[in-house]
Amino acid sequence: MSTQFYGDFAITGGNVKAAVAFSKNKNEATVTSVSLSAEHENGKVAAWGVNNDFPQQFLKKIKPAGVLRSGIRTNIAAHYGSGFVLAEETFENDKRKVVPKSIRQYPDIHEFFVRNQMKRFHKEIITDLENFALAVPEYVLSNDFKKINRVKRQKTADFRYEIMNEATGLIENGYLSTKWAEGVDVASKFVSKVPLIDSYWSAEEVKEYCKKNKIRNFMRPAYYPLLNESYYPDPELHSIESSGWLDIINSIPKFKKAFLEEKANINYHIEVYEEYFERKYKDDWQGFTPEKRKEIQEEFVQELDAALRGADKGGASLMSIMYKDENGTPQPGLKITDVSAKDTDGKYLDDTAAGIQAALSAANVDPSIIGAGIPGANLGAGSGSDKREGWLIKSAMKYIDRETTLEPFEFIQQYNGWPPELIGGFENTVLTTLDKNPTGTQKAAQL
């Protein structure tokens, strides 16, 4: 066991380290080689964020924020539900009738879904929509421009808009790269340009435009409604970053880790009077060298620490020498104060609670759904009924988002001439009580 002296204090039980929390390294880089904005043309790219790396920085920041990532994951699950379903919509006597259909009943559709792995495609664009409110499908046409043969998801984080052509009012191209955060521009070999099609154009308009301009592959973004943004959406989720709460959420665990690992874990404050040693060793004390005195003090502290430490010391007795001062008043040779109750392990619980609330509010997720609790506080996360009702409300609220997710299917349906009476949808997973259904779930399609 080591003993370290700091002035009049002696501390035992391991290394004592200093830690700095909530600091920023001035040398940590923000990319400055790309400084673009939607108002200024530079390489014809509309920058996403000051350094054109907002998606990359956002994903980096949310990586350690477990509660936020769980909230986003919940949104993705509620959005996808039990997956894509197909139905036939008819009207009889002015009444709408929806009849579920198997995709296998339609060979062209089934072949397209298998060839393009549409289950994965839908999960991928839902993930992009839930994180950035923007998805970027790329479509590949047949040689005669009459059919869409392929559709694939391009990652939203890799996508950037070209600056709008002021003469036509169109954004004519999109750019893809995994190196925007490194400051690449459109001339780089790591950047690819893909024609962009306005998502407001009908399938017939797109077909004619592509045929006229010999375009055989293009991107057609799908996004949640914009407010006053010119290019990239600014969804509610991103307020957790712009408000500063995401930095706070990430900083608290770092501080707690530093505190627990690097603090001096002191349970007792021991005050030893110099006269204690003078009276114990009498005239010899004055003749001891500084090294000898330090050795005696170290042995004393270790013996005292051993007497105070451990569960097996319960009921043990501790003796200390008393002496009288010049006035004849009894004085203790040493004084021991229990300071463990003043520990700060419970510090920042209120901030943690506020951070969790801010994160889940930004993600629009009921904490009961994911069992969110506050470490060191009440871990109760609501009853089964709370979870069930929260999930039902969340699923219902996803209807408007699913309409955006269905845009690629509806566009392909129109372009390829699939039966117009067919409609697509995503089936809800409806939680029930086990007495009503042994599996605890049932399905209901929103079509």
Protein backbone atom coordinates (compact mmCIF):
# COMPACT_ATOMS: atom_id res chain seq x y z
CA MET A 1 0.00 0.00 0.00
CA SER A 2 1.37 3.42 -0.92
CA THR A 3 1.19 6.55 1.16
CA GLN A 4 1.46 9.98 -0.38
CA PHE A 5 2.00 13.19 1.55
CA TYR A 6 0.64 16.56 0.45
CA GLY A 7 1.68 19.18 2.95
CA ASP A 8 0.01 18.19 6.21
CA PHE A 9 -2.13 15.45 4.60
CA ALA A 10 -1.45 11.76 4.08
CA ILE A 11 -3.58 9.65 1.74
CA THR A 12 -3.45 5.88 1.38
CA GLY A 13 -4.97 3.35 -0.95
CA GLY A 14 -3.67 3.93 -4.46
CA ASN A 15 -2.63 6.58 -6.88
CA VAL A 16 -3.97 10.10 -6.72
CA LYS A 17 -4.54 11.62 -10.11
CA ALA A 18 -5.81 14.88 -11.47
CA ALA A 19 -8.57 14.90 -14.06
CA VAL A 20 -10.00 17.61 -16.25
CA ALA A 21 -13.62 17.28 -17.29
CA PHE A 22 -15.79 19.36 -19.62
CA SER A 23 -12.68 20.55 -21.48
CA LYS A 24 -12.16 20.87 -25.19
CA ASN A 25 -8.88 20.18 -26.94
CA LYS A 26 -8.00 23.29 -28.89
CA ASN A 27 -6.12 21.10 -31.35
CA GLU A 28 -9.14 18.99 -32.19
CA ALA A 29 -9.98 19.93 -35.66
CA THR A 30 -12.98 21.36 -37.29
CA VAL A 31 -12.46 21.03 -41.00
CA THR A 32 -11.65 24.40 -42.50
CA SER A 33 -10.69 23.39 -45.98
CA VAL A 34 -14.36 23.37 -46.95
CA SER A 35 -16.28 26.46 -45.97
CA LEU A 36 -19.52 26.46 -47.90
CA SER A 37 -22.98 27.83 -47.37
CA ALA A 38 -26.23 27.66 -49.24
CA GLU A 39 -25.88 31.35 -50.06
CA HIS A 40 -22.45 31.08 -51.66
CA GLU A 41 -21.45 28.85 -54.55
CA ASN A 42 -18.16 27.03 -54.16
CA GLY A 43 -17.77 23.90 -56.19
CA LYS A 44 -21.54 24.00 -56.73
CA VAL A 45 -22.20 22.20 -53.46
CA ALA A 46 -24.68 23.45 -50.91
CA ALA A 47 -22.84 22.88 -47.64
CA TRP A 48 -24.58 20.93 -44.91
CA GLY A 49 -23.34 22.70 -41.82
CA VAL A 50 -20.58 25.27 -41.46
CA ASN A 51 -17.88 22.83 -42.54
CA ASN A 52 -20.11 20.70 -44.77
CA ASP A 53 -19.91 17.84 -42.28
CA PHE A 54 -23.02 18.20 -40.13
CA PRO A 55 -24.28 14.60 -40.66
CA GLN A 56 -20.89 13.16 -39.78
CA GLN A 57 -20.53 15.31 -36.68
CA PHE A 58 -24.10 14.58 -35.58
CA LEU A 59 -23.65 10.82 -35.89
CA LYS A 60 -20.35 11.08 -34.04
CA LYS A 61 -21.99 12.99 -31.20
CA ILE A 62 -24.96 10.66 -30.77
CA LYS A 63 -22.74 7.55 -30.74
CA PRO A 64 -22.14 7.67 -26.95
CA ALA A 65 -25.65 8.98 -26.17
CA GLY A 66 -27.31 5.64 -25.52
CA VAL A 67 -30.72 6.98 -24.52
CA LEU A 68 -31.00 9.05 -27.71
CA ARG A 69 -29.92 6.15 -29.89
CA SER A 70 -32.51 3.95 -28.19
CA GLY A 71 -35.12 6.60 -28.90
CA ILE A 72 -34.15 6.73 -32.58
CA ARG A 73 -34.19 2.95 -32.75
CA THR A 74 -37.70 2.97 -31.27
CA ASN A 75 -38.83 5.40 -33.96
CA ILE A 76 -37.36 3.19 -36.68
CA ALA A 77 -39.13 0.13 -35.26
CA ALA A 78 -42.47 1.93 -34.94
CA HIS A 79 -42.09 3.38 -38.43
CA TYR A 80 -41.37 -0.01 -40.04
CA GLY A 81 -43.89 -1.87 -37.88
CA SER A 82 -44.33 -5.41 -39.18
CA GLY A 83 -43.12 -4.42 -42.61
CA PHE A 84 -44.47 -3.51 -46.03
CA VAL A 85 -47.82 -4.94 -47.09
CA LEU A 86 -49.74 -4.80 -50.35
CA ALA A 87 -53.50 -4.43 -50.76
CA GLU A 88 -56.10 -3.83 -53.43
CA GLU A 89 -58.29 -0.78 -53.04
CA THR A 90 -61.77 -0.81 -54.54
CA PHE A 91 -64.99 1.13 -54.04
CA GLU A 92 -68.41 -0.44 -53.83
CA ASN A 93 -71.48 1.73 -53.33
CA ASP A 94 -69.18 4.66 -52.53
CA LYS A 95 -67.57 2.62 -49.77
CA ARG A 96 -63.84 2.03 -49.74
CA LYS A 97 -62.82 -1.59 -49.56
CA VAL A 98 -59.25 -2.71 -48.90
CA VAL A 99 -58.33 -6.35 -49.51
CA PRO A 100 -54.85 -7.60 -48.49
CA LYS A 101 -52.86 -9.13 -51.34
CA SER A 102 -49.74 -11.24 -51.56
CA ILE A 103 -46.93 -9.74 -53.60
CA ARG A 104 -46.47 -13.21 -55.08
CA GLN A 105 -49.78 -12.73 -56.91
CA TYR A 106 -48.05 -10.14 -59.10
CA PRO A 107 -44.94 -11.65 -60.77
CA ASP A 108 -43.47 -8.33 -61.96
CA ILE A 109 -43.77 -6.76 -58.52
CA HIS A 110 -42.52 -9.85 -56.73
CA GLU A 111 -39.49 -10.16 -59.02
CA PHE A 112 -38.69 -6.47 -58.51
CA PHE A 113 -38.93 -6.78 -54.72
CA VAL A 114 -36.68 -9.84 -54.66
CA ARG A 115 -34.13 -8.36 -57.08
CA ASN A 116 -33.86 -5.11 -55.12
CA GLN A 117 -34.12 -6.59 -51.61
CA MET A 118 -36.93 -4.21 -50.78
CA LYS A 119 -37.17 -5.25 -47.14
CA ARG A 120 -33.64 -3.99 -46.61
CA PHE A 121 -34.26 -0.95 -48.81
CA HIS A 122 -37.24 0.13 -46.72
CA LYS A 123 -35.36 -0.32 -43.44
CA GLU A 124 -32.47 1.73 -44.81
CA ILE A 125 -34.48 4.70 -46.01
CA ILE A 126 -36.53 4.65 -42.80
CA THR A 127 -33.25 4.85 -40.86
CA ASP A 128 -32.21 7.88 -42.93
CA LEU A 129 -35.58 9.55 -42.52
CA GLU A 130 -35.56 9.05 -38.75
CA ASN A 131 -32.06 10.49 -38.41
CA PHE A 132 -32.10 13.26 -41.02
CA ALA A 133 -35.70 13.59 -42.29
CA LEU A 134 -34.22 12.98 -45.75
CA ALA A 135 -33.74 9.81 -47.81
CA VAL A 136 -31.98 9.58 -51.16
CA PRO A 137 -33.05 6.60 -53.31
CA GLU A 138 -31.22 6.14 -56.60
CA TYR A 139 -33.13 4.66 -59.54
CA VAL A 140 -31.63 2.77 -62.50
CA LEU A 141 -33.62 2.63 -65.75
CA SER A 142 -33.81 0.07 -68.50
CA ASN A 143 -31.99 0.84 -71.73
CA ASP A 144 -35.21 1.99 -73.40
CA PHE A 145 -36.10 4.25 -70.41
CA LYS A 146 -39.46 2.50 -70.03
CA LYS A 147 -38.88 0.70 -66.76
CA ILE A 148 -37.14 1.17 -63.45
CA ASN A 149 -35.01 -1.93 -63.04
CA ARG A 150 -33.22 -1.06 -59.83
CA VAL A 151 -33.64 1.09 -56.77
CA LYS A 152 -31.05 1.42 -54.05
CA ARG A 153 -30.51 3.59 -51.04
CA GLN A 154 -27.69 6.10 -51.04
CA LYS A 155 -26.73 7.08 -47.51
CA THR A 156 -28.09 10.50 -46.61
CA ALA A 157 -24.89 11.35 -44.69
CA ASP A 158 -22.93 10.92 -47.95
CA PHE A 159 -25.27 13.11 -50.00
CA ARG A 160 -25.02 16.80 -50.84
CA TYR A 161 -27.20 18.98 -53.06
CA GLU A 162 -25.78 20.96 -55.92
CA ILE A 163 -26.51 24.67 -55.76
CA MET A 164 -29.78 25.45 -57.54
CA ASN A 165 -29.58 26.57 -61.14
CA GLU A 166 -31.04 30.07 -60.91
CA ALA A 167 -31.97 30.07 -64.58
CA THR A 168 -34.21 26.99 -64.32
CA GLY A 169 -34.95 26.94 -60.60
CA LEU A 170 -33.87 23.30 -60.50
CA ILE A 171 -31.30 21.45 -58.48
CA GLU A 172 -29.91 19.39 -61.32
CA ASN A 173 -27.40 17.12 -59.59
CA GLY A 174 -26.52 15.54 -56.29
CA TYR A 175 -23.06 14.58 -55.04
CA LEU A 176 -22.02 11.50 -53.08
CA SER A 177 -18.88 11.05 -50.99
CA THR A 178 -17.76 9.43 -47.77
CA LYS A 179 -15.10 12.11 -47.30
CA TRP A 180 -17.02 15.38 -46.88
CA ALA A 181 -15.67 15.72 -43.35
CA GLU A 182 -12.16 15.64 -44.80
CA GLY A 183 -12.84 18.72 -46.92
CA VAL A 184 -13.15 17.19 -50.39
CA ASP A 185 -14.69 19.22 -53.20
CA VAL A 186 -16.57 18.11 -56.29
CA ALA A 187 -13.38 17.81 -58.36
CA SER A 188 -12.08 15.05 -56.10
CA LYS A 189 -11.95 11.47 -57.31
CA PHE A 190 -13.75 10.58 -54.08
CA VAL A 191 -16.88 12.49 -55.13
CA SER A 192 -19.41 11.21 -57.65
CA LYS A 193 -22.12 13.25 -59.38
CA VAL A 194 -25.56 11.79 -60.01
CA PRO A 195 -28.45 13.55 -61.81
CA LEU A 196 -31.19 14.72 -59.46
CA ILE A 197 -34.89 14.61 -60.30
CA ASP A 198 -37.45 16.88 -58.67
CA SER A 199 -39.67 14.73 -56.47
CA TYR A 200 -42.69 16.80 -57.48
CA TRP A 201 -42.50 15.57 -61.07
CA SER A 202 -44.87 12.82 -62.11
CA ALA A 203 -43.59 9.48 -63.37
CA GLU A 204 -44.44 10.41 -66.96
CA GLU A 205 -42.57 13.71 -66.67
CA VAL A 206 -39.53 11.92 -65.29
CA LYS A 207 -39.68 9.34 -68.09
CA GLU A 208 -39.74 12.00 -70.80
CA TYR A 209 -37.01 14.07 -69.15
CA CYS A 210 -34.69 11.07 -68.79
CA LYS A 211 -35.30 9.92 -72.35
CA LYS A 212 -34.65 13.40 -73.72
CA ASN A 213 -31.45 13.87 -71.72
CA LYS A 214 -30.23 10.25 -71.95
CA ILE A 215 -30.32 9.85 -68.17
CA ARG A 216 -30.33 6.21 -67.10
CA ASN A 217 -29.81 6.64 -63.37
CA PHE A 218 -30.87 9.42 -61.05
CA MET A 219 -31.62 10.27 -57.43
CA ARG A 220 -35.08 11.41 -56.34
CA PRO A 221 -35.06 12.55 -52.69
CA ALA A 222 -37.86 11.79 -50.27
CA TYR A 223 -38.15 14.08 -47.26
CA TYR A 224 -40.46 15.26 -44.53
CA PRO A 225 -42.09 18.68 -45.14
CA LEU A 226 -39.68 21.60 -45.04
CA LEU A 227 -40.39 24.88 -43.24
CA ASN A 228 -38.04 27.57 -44.49
CA GLU A 229 -35.01 25.41 -45.25
CA SER A 230 -33.54 25.82 -48.72
CA TYR A 231 -31.81 22.47 -49.00
CA TYR A 232 -31.48 20.20 -45.97
CA PRO A 233 -34.25 19.52 -43.43
CA ASP A 234 -33.90 20.69 -39.84
CA PRO A 235 -36.01 18.11 -37.95
CA GLU A 236 -36.96 18.28 -34.28
CA LEU A 237 -34.40 15.61 -33.46
CA HIS A 238 -31.53 17.94 -34.39
CA SER A 239 -32.58 20.45 -31.74
CA ILE A 240 -30.82 18.23 -29.19
CA GLU A 241 -27.54 19.20 -30.90
CA SER A 242 -28.23 22.86 -31.64
CA SER A 243 -29.48 23.47 -28.08
CA GLY A 244 -26.26 22.14 -26.56
CA TRP A 245 -28.01 19.37 -24.65
CA LEU A 246 -26.20 16.66 -26.59
CA ASP A 247 -22.85 18.03 -25.41
CA ILE A 248 -24.12 18.05 -21.81
CA ILE A 249 -25.49 14.48 -22.07
CA ASN A 250 -22.14 13.24 -23.36
CA SER A 251 -20.09 15.21 -20.84
CA ILE A 252 -21.75 13.93 -17.66
CA PRO A 253 -20.64 10.26 -18.06
CA LYS A 254 -17.11 11.43 -18.89
CA PHE A 255 -17.01 13.50 -15.74
CA LYS A 256 -18.44 10.69 -13.62
CA LYS A 257 -15.94 8.21 -15.06
CA ALA A 258 -13.06 10.57 -14.35
CA PHE A 259 -14.38 11.19 -10.85
CA LEU A 260 -14.75 7.51 -10.01
CA GLU A 261 -11.46 6.40 -11.55
CA GLU A 262 -9.19 9.30 -10.75
CA LYS A 263 -10.48 10.84 -7.56
CA ALA A 264 -8.82 10.42 -4.16
CA ASN A 265 -11.35 8.05 -2.58
CA ILE A 266 -11.22 9.34 0.99
CA ASN A 267 -13.48 7.98 3.73
CA TYR A 268 -11.73 9.45 6.78
CA HIS A 269 -9.89 12.68 7.46
CA ILE A 270 -7.20 11.93 10.06
CA GLU A 271 -5.62 14.85 11.88
CA VAL A 272 -2.41 13.94 13.75
CA TYR A 273 -0.86 16.44 16.12
CA GLU A 274 2.91 16.80 15.95
CA GLU A 275 3.05 16.57 19.77
CA TYR A 276 1.69 13.04 19.47
CA PHE A 277 5.01 11.85 18.05
CA GLU A 278 7.07 14.10 20.35
CA ARG A 279 5.41 12.59 23.42
CA LYS A 280 5.61 9.04 22.03
CA TYR A 281 9.30 9.17 21.09
CA LYS A 282 10.33 11.85 23.66
CA ASP A 283 13.80 13.29 23.03
CA ASP A 284 14.54 10.79 20.25
CA TRP A 285 12.00 12.51 17.96
CA GLN A 286 14.06 15.69 17.69
CA GLY A 287 17.13 13.65 16.83
CA PHE A 288 15.47 11.68 14.02
CA THR A 289 16.35 12.63 10.44
CA PRO A 290 13.51 13.88 8.16
CA GLU A 291 13.62 10.54 6.35
CA LYS A 292 13.21 8.63 9.63
CA ARG A 293 10.30 10.84 10.71
CA LYS A 294 8.56 10.27 7.36
CA GLU A 295 9.07 6.51 7.70
CA ILE A 296 7.48 6.57 11.16
CA GLN A 297 4.56 8.65 9.89
CA GLU A 298 4.00 6.28 6.96
CA GLU A 299 3.94 3.25 9.24
CA PHE A 300 1.55 5.05 11.59
CA VAL A 301 -0.86 6.00 8.81
CA GLN A 302 -0.84 2.49 7.31
CA GLU A 303 -1.50 0.88 10.68
CA LEU A 304 -4.34 3.32 11.35
CA ASP A 305 -5.75 2.81 7.86
CA ALA A 306 -5.71 -0.96 8.37
CA ALA A 307 -7.58 -0.49 11.63
CA LEU A 308 -10.33 1.53 9.91
CA ARG A 309 -10.63 -0.40 6.66
CA GLY A 310 -12.84 -3.37 5.78
CA ALA A 311 -16.03 -5.07 6.89
CA ASP A 312 -14.17 -7.35 9.28
CA LYS A 313 -13.34 -4.33 11.43
CA GLY A 314 -16.91 -4.03 12.64
CA GLY A 315 -16.99 -3.59 16.43
CA ALA A 316 -13.21 -3.07 16.64
CA SER A 317 -11.72 -0.61 19.15
CA LEU A 318 -9.31 2.16 18.34
CA MET A 319 -7.02 3.73 20.96
CA SER A 320 -5.35 7.13 20.72
CA ILE A 321 -3.14 8.95 23.23
CA MET A 322 -4.55 11.93 25.15
CA TYR A 323 -2.37 14.71 26.52
CA LYS A 324 -2.90 18.00 28.33
CA ASP A 325 -2.10 21.37 26.83
CA GLU A 326 -0.48 24.27 28.67
CA ASN A 327 -3.79 25.08 30.39
CA GLY A 328 -4.27 21.51 31.57
CA THR A 329 -7.10 20.87 29.09
CA PRO A 330 -7.15 17.28 27.71
CA GLN A 331 -6.40 17.13 23.97
CA PRO A 332 -6.55 14.14 21.62
CA GLY A 333 -3.34 12.96 20.02
CA LEU A 334 -5.24 12.43 16.77
CA LYS A 335 -8.66 13.28 15.39
CA ILE A 336 -10.61 11.12 12.92
CA THR A 337 -13.53 12.56 10.93
CA ASP A 338 -15.79 10.45 8.70
CA VAL A 339 -16.09 12.33 5.38
CA SER A 340 -17.56 9.50 3.27
CA ALA A 341 -21.06 10.98 3.61
CA LYS A 342 -19.82 14.05 1.81
CA ASP A 343 -18.92 12.08 -1.28
CA THR A 344 -20.24 13.45 -4.57
CA ASP A 345 -21.19 10.21 -6.30
CA GLY A 346 -24.79 11.39 -6.55
CA LYS A 347 -23.83 14.62 -8.21
CA TYR A 348 -25.41 15.53 -11.57
CA LEU A 349 -28.35 13.12 -11.24
CA ASP A 350 -30.70 16.04 -11.84
CA ASP A 351 -28.72 17.00 -14.94
CA THR A 352 -28.83 13.38 -16.12
CA ALA A 353 -32.60 13.33 -15.70
CA ALA A 354 -32.97 16.61 -17.60
CA GLY A 355 -30.68 15.29 -20.35
CA ILE A 356 -32.71 12.11 -20.76
CA GLN A 357 -35.91 14.16 -20.90
CA ALA A 358 -34.41 16.52 -23.47
CA ALA A 359 -33.13 13.66 -25.64
CA LEU A 360 -36.39 11.71 -25.68
CA SER A 361 -38.44 14.87 -26.17
CA ALA A 362 -36.35 15.75 -29.22
CA ALA A 363 -36.86 12.21 -30.53
CA ASN A 364 -40.56 12.36 -29.57
CA VAL A 365 -40.40 9.07 -27.64
CA ASP A 366 -42.31 8.22 -24.47
CA PRO A 367 -39.65 7.17 -21.90
CA SER A 368 -41.84 4.30 -20.70
CA ILE A 369 -41.50 2.55 -24.07
CA ILE A 370 -37.77 2.04 -23.67
CA GLY A 371 -37.79 1.73 -19.88
CA ALA A 372 -35.81 4.93 -19.39
CA GLY A 373 -34.88 5.51 -15.76
CA ILE A 374 -32.46 7.75 -13.92
CA PRO A 375 -29.34 6.05 -12.52
CA GLY A 376 -29.34 6.34 -8.73
CA ALA A 377 -32.94 7.51 -8.66
CA ASN A 378 -36.33 5.93 -9.29
CA LEU A 379 -35.84 3.32 -11.99
CA GLY A 380 -39.55 2.72 -12.49
CA ALA A 381 -40.49 3.13 -16.11
CA GLY A 382 -44.23 2.78 -16.02
CA SER A 383 -46.57 -0.18 -16.15
CA GLY A 384 -47.25 -2.51 -19.04
CA SER A 385 -50.28 -0.39 -19.83
CA ASP A 386 -48.10 2.71 -20.06
CA LYS A 387 -45.78 0.96 -22.49
CA ARG A 388 -48.66 -0.39 -24.54
CA GLU A 389 -50.44 2.93 -24.81
CA GLY A 390 -47.19 4.76 -25.52
CA TRP A 391 -46.40 2.34 -28.33
CA LEU A 392 -49.89 2.63 -29.84
CA ILE A 393 -49.68 6.42 -29.83
CA LYS A 394 -46.19 6.31 -31.35
CA SER A 395 -47.33 3.92 -34.09
CA ALA A 396 -50.33 6.10 -34.90
CA MET A 397 -48.14 9.18 -35.15
CA LYS A 398 -45.93 7.40 -37.69
CA TYR A 399 -48.68 7.34 -40.31
CA ILE A 400 -47.67 10.68 -41.77
CA ASP A 401 -44.01 9.63 -41.90
CA ARG A 402 -44.88 6.38 -43.63
CA GLU A 403 -46.50 8.30 -46.46
CA THR A 404 -43.07 9.74 -47.20
CA THR A 405 -41.51 6.28 -47.02
CA LEU A 406 -44.06 4.99 -49.53
CA GLU A 407 -43.14 7.62 -52.15
CA PRO A 408 -40.50 5.39 -53.82
CA PHE A 409 -42.96 2.47 -54.13
CA GLU A 410 -45.69 4.71 -55.54
CA PHE A 411 -43.25 6.33 -57.98
CA ILE A 412 -42.00 2.93 -59.22
CA GLN A 413 -45.60 1.68 -59.44
CA GLN A 414 -46.54 4.59 -61.69
CA TYR A 415 -43.35 4.44 -63.76
CA ASN A 416 -43.49 0.67 -64.35
CA GLY A 417 -47.24 0.54 -64.90
CA TRP A 418 -48.10 -1.75 -62.00
CA PRO A 419 -51.87 -2.11 -61.35
CA PRO A 420 -53.13 1.29 -60.13
CA GLU A 421 -55.66 -0.26 -57.74
CA LEU A 422 -52.81 -1.61 -55.62
CA ILE A 423 -51.71 0.36 -52.59
CA GLY A 424 -48.79 -0.14 -50.26
CA GLY A 425 -48.58 0.33 -46.53
CA PHE A 426 -46.71 -0.59 -43.38
CA GLU A 427 -48.38 -2.91 -40.91
CA ASN A 428 -48.52 -1.80 -37.29
CA THR A 429 -47.51 -4.12 -34.51
CA VAL A 430 -50.26 -3.65 -31.92
CA LEU A 431 -49.36 -4.74 -28.40
CA THR A 432 -52.08 -6.58 -26.48
CA THR A 433 -52.40 -8.27 -23.10
CA LEU A 434 -51.50 -11.95 -22.90
CA ASP A 435 -55.01 -12.92 -21.82
CA LYS A 436 -56.27 -11.70 -25.20
CA ASN A 437 -53.43 -13.07 -27.31
CA PRO A 438 -50.77 -15.54 -26.12
CA THR A 439 -48.10 -13.80 -28.23
CA GLY A 440 -48.92 -10.37 -26.78
CA THR A 441 -49.21 -8.84 -30.26
CA GLN A 442 -51.56 -8.50 -33.17
CA LYS A 443 -51.20 -6.81 -36.53
CA ALA A 444 -53.14 -3.99 -38.11
CA ALA A 445 -52.28 -2.43 -41.44
CA GLN A 446 -52.58 1.29 -42.06
CA LEU A 447 -53.58 1.56 -45.72
